[in-house]
Amino acid sequence: AGVGMETLIANWSKAEPESPQMLSACFYYHVAKAQGTEVVARKESRYLGASPMLTLQDSTGADVHYYEVLRYDDDIFAEALKAADKAISIYPQRLDFRFMKANAYLSYERESPDMALSNILGLAHEFMTSEKTWTYQETPGNDVDVDKELFAQMMQDYCVTLYGLGTPSSYEAFLKLSQRMNGYLPKNPAFIANIGSYHLVVAKDPKTALKYYDKALKLDPKDRDVINNAVLASRKLDNPKLEKKYLKMLQQIFVQ
């Protein structure tokens, strides 16, 4: 932060107004400058996927958990979004710029990732329905072509992030993204299993969860995470026969 960095970026933008490195630098500088922190008190023992920095008891003896969370200056954050939008308009098929903006929204919105979800769903639709060649720049000069399989992995990373936030809105966003990707890629077991996990953890419906886990296991019978979740769902249903079935599947994997 400071006048020196602002001057550097301002001069750089005049010299190379369409430089992808300059636009990235401008974006990340303003995101960092917009950030501050605040301490919030919550009743939950976890908040936004994190453990509390401090736990005290109130006058009734109940635990009060304190979390350090990011806050943003809206005007400065808006400058970061302008840089992201310019980068996307100049390099529309660079996924790293698309993700750059979506990630900023995820951090900015915290409990209710509405703009982030809208951004990600729009990108998923554009990617899955177009014939464009999409790239992702891992390092300057190292562009990687992105096919549907790699894109699915990237979308699954967002599903994991949304699930990990652990708020009602983030769980709903997790479900919507998983359902959308399942519609595009019905034979990808990850998104089917995601829907099962929503029913198991959020909807408290282990019977429906097992239906989705079974669908996922037909496509990938060696997915230990899905089998473990199926074991949990069987226990919640108090069904020893089903539990034994999934435990046997686990045993066969370890033997192999």
Protein backbone atom coordinates (compact mmCIF):
# COMPACT_ATOMS: atom_id res chain seq x y z
CA ALA A 1 0.00 0.00 0.00
CA GLY A 2 1.08 3.60 -0.42
CA VAL A 3 1.76 6.35 -2.92
CA GLY A 4 4.80 4.57 -4.37
CA MET A 5 2.84 1.50 -5.43
CA GLU A 6 -0.06 3.58 -6.77
CA THR A 7 2.35 5.66 -8.84
CA LEU A 8 4.02 2.55 -10.20
CA ILE A 9 0.72 0.98 -11.27
CA ALA A 10 -0.57 4.28 -12.71
CA ASN A 11 2.58 4.70 -14.84
CA TRP A 12 2.50 1.06 -15.87
CA SER A 13 -1.15 1.34 -16.97
CA LYS A 14 -0.30 4.35 -19.16
CA ALA A 15 2.64 2.55 -20.76
CA GLU A 16 0.91 -0.83 -21.24
CA PRO A 17 -2.86 -0.35 -20.84
CA GLU A 18 -3.67 -3.87 -22.06
CA SER A 19 -0.87 -5.76 -20.33
CA PRO A 20 -2.32 -8.83 -18.55
CA GLN A 21 0.38 -8.59 -15.88
CA MET A 22 -0.45 -4.92 -15.26
CA LEU A 23 -4.16 -5.65 -14.99
CA SER A 24 -3.49 -8.48 -12.54
CA ALA A 25 -1.22 -6.24 -10.48
CA CYS A 26 -3.84 -3.49 -10.44
CA PHE A 27 -6.52 -5.95 -9.36
CA TYR A 28 -4.52 -7.57 -6.55
CA TYR A 29 -3.21 -4.23 -5.30
CA HIS A 30 -6.71 -2.82 -4.89
CA VAL A 31 -8.02 -6.03 -3.32
CA ALA A 32 -5.22 -5.92 -0.77
CA LYS A 33 -5.69 -2.21 -0.14
CA ALA A 34 -9.45 -2.66 0.32
CA GLN A 35 -8.99 -5.32 2.99
CA GLY A 36 -9.09 -4.82 6.70
CA THR A 37 -9.99 -7.10 9.58
CA GLU A 38 -12.52 -7.04 12.35
CA VAL A 39 -13.31 -9.34 15.25
CA VAL A 40 -16.84 -10.71 15.42
CA ALA A 41 -18.52 -12.70 18.19
CA ARG A 42 -20.51 -15.78 17.20
CA LYS A 43 -22.25 -18.63 18.98
CA GLU A 44 -21.04 -21.20 16.43
CA SER A 45 -17.89 -23.18 17.21
CA ARG A 46 -16.89 -22.77 13.55
CA TYR A 47 -17.55 -19.80 11.28
CA LEU A 48 -16.87 -19.57 7.55
CA GLY A 49 -14.92 -22.81 7.79
CA ALA A 50 -12.52 -21.50 10.46
CA SER A 51 -11.95 -22.14 14.15
CA PRO A 52 -12.29 -19.24 16.61
CA MET A 53 -9.26 -17.18 17.54
CA LEU A 54 -10.60 -16.91 21.10
CA THR A 55 -13.42 -18.41 23.16
CA LEU A 56 -14.81 -16.82 26.33
CA GLN A 57 -17.89 -17.37 28.45
CA ASP A 58 -20.66 -14.83 28.91
CA SER A 59 -22.49 -14.10 32.17
CA THR A 60 -24.66 -17.18 31.73
CA GLY A 61 -21.70 -19.48 31.23
CA ALA A 62 -22.35 -19.95 27.52
CA ASP A 63 -19.38 -20.02 25.15
CA VAL A 64 -18.86 -16.97 22.95
CA HIS A 65 -16.48 -17.52 20.05
CA TYR A 66 -14.47 -14.69 18.49
CA TYR A 67 -13.32 -14.72 14.90
CA GLU A 68 -11.06 -12.40 12.93
CA VAL A 69 -12.68 -11.85 9.55
CA LEU A 70 -11.94 -9.73 6.50
CA ARG A 71 -13.87 -6.55 5.80
CA TYR A 72 -13.65 -4.47 2.63
CA ASP A 73 -13.73 -0.82 1.66
CA ASP A 74 -16.41 -0.84 -1.04
CA ASP A 75 -14.96 1.98 -3.15
CA ILE A 76 -11.48 0.47 -3.31
CA PHE A 77 -12.89 -3.00 -3.95
CA ALA A 78 -14.83 -1.52 -6.87
CA GLU A 79 -11.52 -0.39 -8.40
CA ALA A 80 -10.28 -3.98 -8.21
CA LEU A 81 -13.39 -5.18 -10.02
CA LYS A 82 -12.84 -2.59 -12.77
CA ALA A 83 -9.38 -4.03 -13.40
CA ALA A 84 -10.81 -7.56 -13.47
CA ASP A 85 -13.58 -6.58 -15.86
CA LYS A 86 -11.11 -4.87 -18.19
CA ALA A 87 -8.87 -7.96 -18.18
CA ILE A 88 -11.88 -10.19 -18.95
CA SER A 89 -13.02 -7.91 -21.80
CA ILE A 90 -9.55 -7.96 -23.41
CA TYR A 91 -8.81 -11.64 -22.69
CA PRO A 92 -12.29 -13.23 -22.52
CA GLN A 93 -11.03 -16.81 -22.82
CA ARG A 94 -8.48 -16.58 -20.01
CA LEU A 95 -10.05 -18.53 -17.13
CA ASP A 96 -7.57 -17.21 -14.58
CA PHE A 97 -9.10 -13.74 -14.98
CA ARG A 98 -12.60 -15.17 -14.61
CA PHE A 99 -11.58 -17.01 -11.46
CA MET A 100 -9.77 -13.94 -10.16
CA LYS A 101 -13.07 -12.06 -10.07
CA ALA A 102 -15.09 -14.98 -8.67
CA ASN A 103 -12.56 -15.51 -5.88
CA ALA A 104 -12.73 -11.84 -4.94
CA TYR A 105 -16.50 -12.05 -4.67
CA LEU A 106 -16.22 -15.16 -2.49
CA SER A 107 -13.95 -13.34 -0.06
CA TYR A 108 -16.02 -10.15 -0.15
CA GLU A 109 -19.45 -11.66 0.41
CA ARG A 110 -18.55 -14.04 3.24
CA GLU A 111 -21.79 -15.64 4.48
CA SER A 112 -23.92 -15.18 1.37
CA PRO A 113 -21.96 -15.79 -1.86
CA ASP A 114 -24.70 -14.65 -4.24
CA MET A 115 -22.57 -12.62 -6.67
CA ALA A 116 -19.85 -15.26 -6.61
CA LEU A 117 -22.34 -18.01 -7.45
CA SER A 118 -23.91 -15.94 -10.26
CA ASN A 119 -20.45 -15.31 -11.66
CA ILE A 120 -19.44 -18.99 -11.49
CA LEU A 121 -22.72 -20.28 -12.94
CA GLY A 122 -22.47 -17.82 -15.81
CA LEU A 123 -18.94 -18.96 -16.53
CA ALA A 124 -19.97 -22.63 -16.38
CA HIS A 125 -22.72 -22.01 -18.91
CA GLU A 126 -20.40 -20.11 -21.22
CA PHE A 127 -17.66 -22.74 -21.02
CA MET A 128 -19.89 -25.79 -21.41
CA THR A 129 -22.00 -24.41 -24.29
CA SER A 130 -19.32 -22.75 -26.41
CA GLU A 131 -16.73 -24.09 -28.83
CA LYS A 132 -14.08 -21.60 -27.73
CA THR A 133 -10.55 -22.57 -26.79
CA TRP A 134 -10.12 -21.69 -23.13
CA THR A 135 -6.79 -21.22 -21.37
CA TYR A 136 -5.50 -20.84 -17.85
CA GLN A 137 -2.21 -19.08 -17.20
CA GLU A 138 -0.40 -20.79 -14.34
CA THR A 139 2.68 -18.56 -14.61
CA PRO A 140 3.50 -15.71 -17.05
CA GLY A 141 3.97 -17.21 -20.49
CA ASN A 142 2.71 -20.65 -19.44
CA ASP A 143 -0.83 -20.96 -20.78
CA VAL A 144 -2.59 -24.30 -20.35
CA ASP A 145 -5.51 -25.31 -22.57
CA VAL A 146 -8.53 -26.23 -20.46
CA ASP A 147 -10.77 -29.10 -21.53
CA LYS A 148 -14.06 -30.16 -19.94
CA GLU A 149 -12.35 -32.60 -17.57
CA LEU A 150 -10.01 -29.97 -16.17
CA PHE A 151 -12.82 -27.43 -16.00
CA ALA A 152 -14.90 -29.92 -14.01
CA GLN A 153 -12.05 -30.22 -11.50
CA MET A 154 -11.94 -26.44 -11.20
CA MET A 155 -15.70 -26.28 -10.61
CA GLN A 156 -15.40 -29.03 -8.01
CA ASP A 157 -12.83 -26.87 -6.20
CA TYR A 158 -15.48 -24.15 -5.98
CA CYS A 159 -18.00 -26.68 -4.69
CA VAL A 160 -15.56 -27.68 -1.95
CA THR A 161 -14.98 -24.03 -1.03
CA LEU A 162 -18.71 -23.25 -0.87
CA TYR A 163 -19.38 -26.33 1.23
CA GLY A 164 -16.52 -25.47 3.57
CA LEU A 165 -17.94 -22.02 4.33
CA GLY A 166 -20.72 -23.83 6.15
CA THR A 167 -23.44 -21.17 6.03
CA PRO A 168 -27.04 -21.72 4.88
CA SER A 169 -26.44 -19.61 1.76
CA SER A 170 -23.13 -21.28 0.92
CA TYR A 171 -24.70 -24.74 1.25
CA GLU A 172 -27.44 -23.70 -1.18
CA ALA A 173 -24.82 -22.31 -3.57
CA PHE A 174 -22.92 -25.61 -3.27
CA LEU A 175 -26.06 -27.50 -4.24
CA LYS A 176 -26.92 -25.21 -7.16
CA LEU A 177 -23.43 -25.40 -8.64
CA SER A 178 -23.30 -29.18 -8.18
CA GLN A 179 -26.71 -29.60 -9.84
CA ARG A 180 -25.75 -27.33 -12.72
CA MET A 181 -22.51 -29.20 -13.37
CA ASN A 182 -24.30 -32.53 -13.04
CA GLY A 183 -26.64 -31.34 -15.78
CA TYR A 184 -23.69 -30.58 -18.05
CA LEU A 185 -21.69 -33.68 -17.08
CA PRO A 186 -24.15 -36.37 -15.93
CA LYS A 187 -21.45 -39.06 -15.83
CA ASN A 188 -19.11 -37.13 -13.55
CA PRO A 189 -19.47 -38.85 -10.15
CA ALA A 190 -18.14 -35.92 -8.12
CA PHE A 191 -21.16 -33.69 -8.67
CA ILE A 192 -23.58 -36.56 -8.04
CA ALA A 193 -21.82 -37.28 -4.73
CA ASN A 194 -21.99 -33.58 -3.87
CA ILE A 195 -25.77 -33.66 -4.15
CA GLY A 196 -25.80 -36.69 -1.91
CA SER A 197 -23.71 -34.88 0.68
CA TYR A 198 -26.10 -31.95 0.65
CA HIS A 199 -28.97 -34.28 1.46
CA LEU A 200 -26.96 -36.03 4.16
CA VAL A 201 -25.58 -32.96 5.96
CA VAL A 202 -27.94 -30.09 5.18
CA ALA A 203 -31.31 -31.64 4.38
CA LYS A 204 -30.85 -34.38 7.02
CA ASP A 205 -32.20 -36.91 4.53
CA PRO A 206 -29.83 -39.92 4.55
CA LYS A 207 -32.22 -42.02 2.44
CA THR A 208 -32.03 -39.59 -0.49
CA ALA A 209 -28.30 -39.14 0.12
CA LEU A 210 -27.75 -42.88 -0.37
CA LYS A 211 -29.55 -42.78 -3.72
CA TYR A 212 -27.03 -40.25 -4.98
CA TYR A 213 -24.08 -42.04 -3.42
CA ASP A 214 -25.14 -45.26 -5.15
CA LYS A 215 -25.35 -43.41 -8.48
CA ALA A 216 -21.85 -42.01 -7.94
CA LEU A 217 -20.47 -45.44 -6.97
CA LYS A 218 -21.82 -47.01 -10.14
CA LEU A 219 -19.57 -44.60 -12.03
CA ASP A 220 -16.61 -44.85 -9.63
CA PRO A 221 -16.94 -47.85 -7.30
CA LYS A 222 -13.56 -47.21 -5.69
CA ASP A 223 -14.21 -43.70 -4.34
CA ARG A 224 -13.44 -44.16 -0.64
CA ASP A 225 -14.84 -40.78 0.37
CA VAL A 226 -18.21 -41.60 -1.17
CA ILE A 227 -18.24 -45.06 0.40
CA ASN A 228 -17.40 -43.59 3.81
CA ASN A 229 -20.28 -41.13 3.42
CA ALA A 230 -22.56 -44.01 2.45
CA VAL A 231 -21.53 -45.79 5.65
CA LEU A 232 -22.48 -42.68 7.66
CA ALA A 233 -25.83 -42.44 5.88
CA SER A 234 -26.52 -46.13 6.58
CA ARG A 235 -25.81 -45.58 10.26
CA LYS A 236 -28.16 -42.61 10.36
CA LEU A 237 -30.83 -44.85 8.86
CA ASP A 238 -29.98 -47.48 11.48
CA ASN A 239 -29.60 -50.06 8.74
CA PRO A 240 -26.83 -52.56 9.65
CA LYS A 241 -27.35 -54.51 6.42
CA LEU A 242 -26.59 -51.47 4.26
CA GLU A 243 -23.71 -50.46 6.50
CA LYS A 244 -22.19 -53.93 6.11
CA LYS A 245 -22.55 -53.66 2.33
CA TYR A 246 -20.53 -50.42 2.15
CA LEU A 247 -17.96 -51.59 4.68
CA LYS A 248 -17.40 -54.64 2.49
CA MET A 249 -16.80 -52.34 -0.49
CA LEU A 250 -14.17 -50.49 1.53
CA GLN A 251 -12.53 -53.73 2.55
CA GLN A 252 -12.30 -54.87 -1.08
CA ILE A 253 -10.55 -51.63 -2.03
CA PHE A 254 -7.94 -52.05 0.69
CA VAL A 255 -7.35 -55.68 -0.29
CA GLN A 256 -6.79 -54.66 -3.91
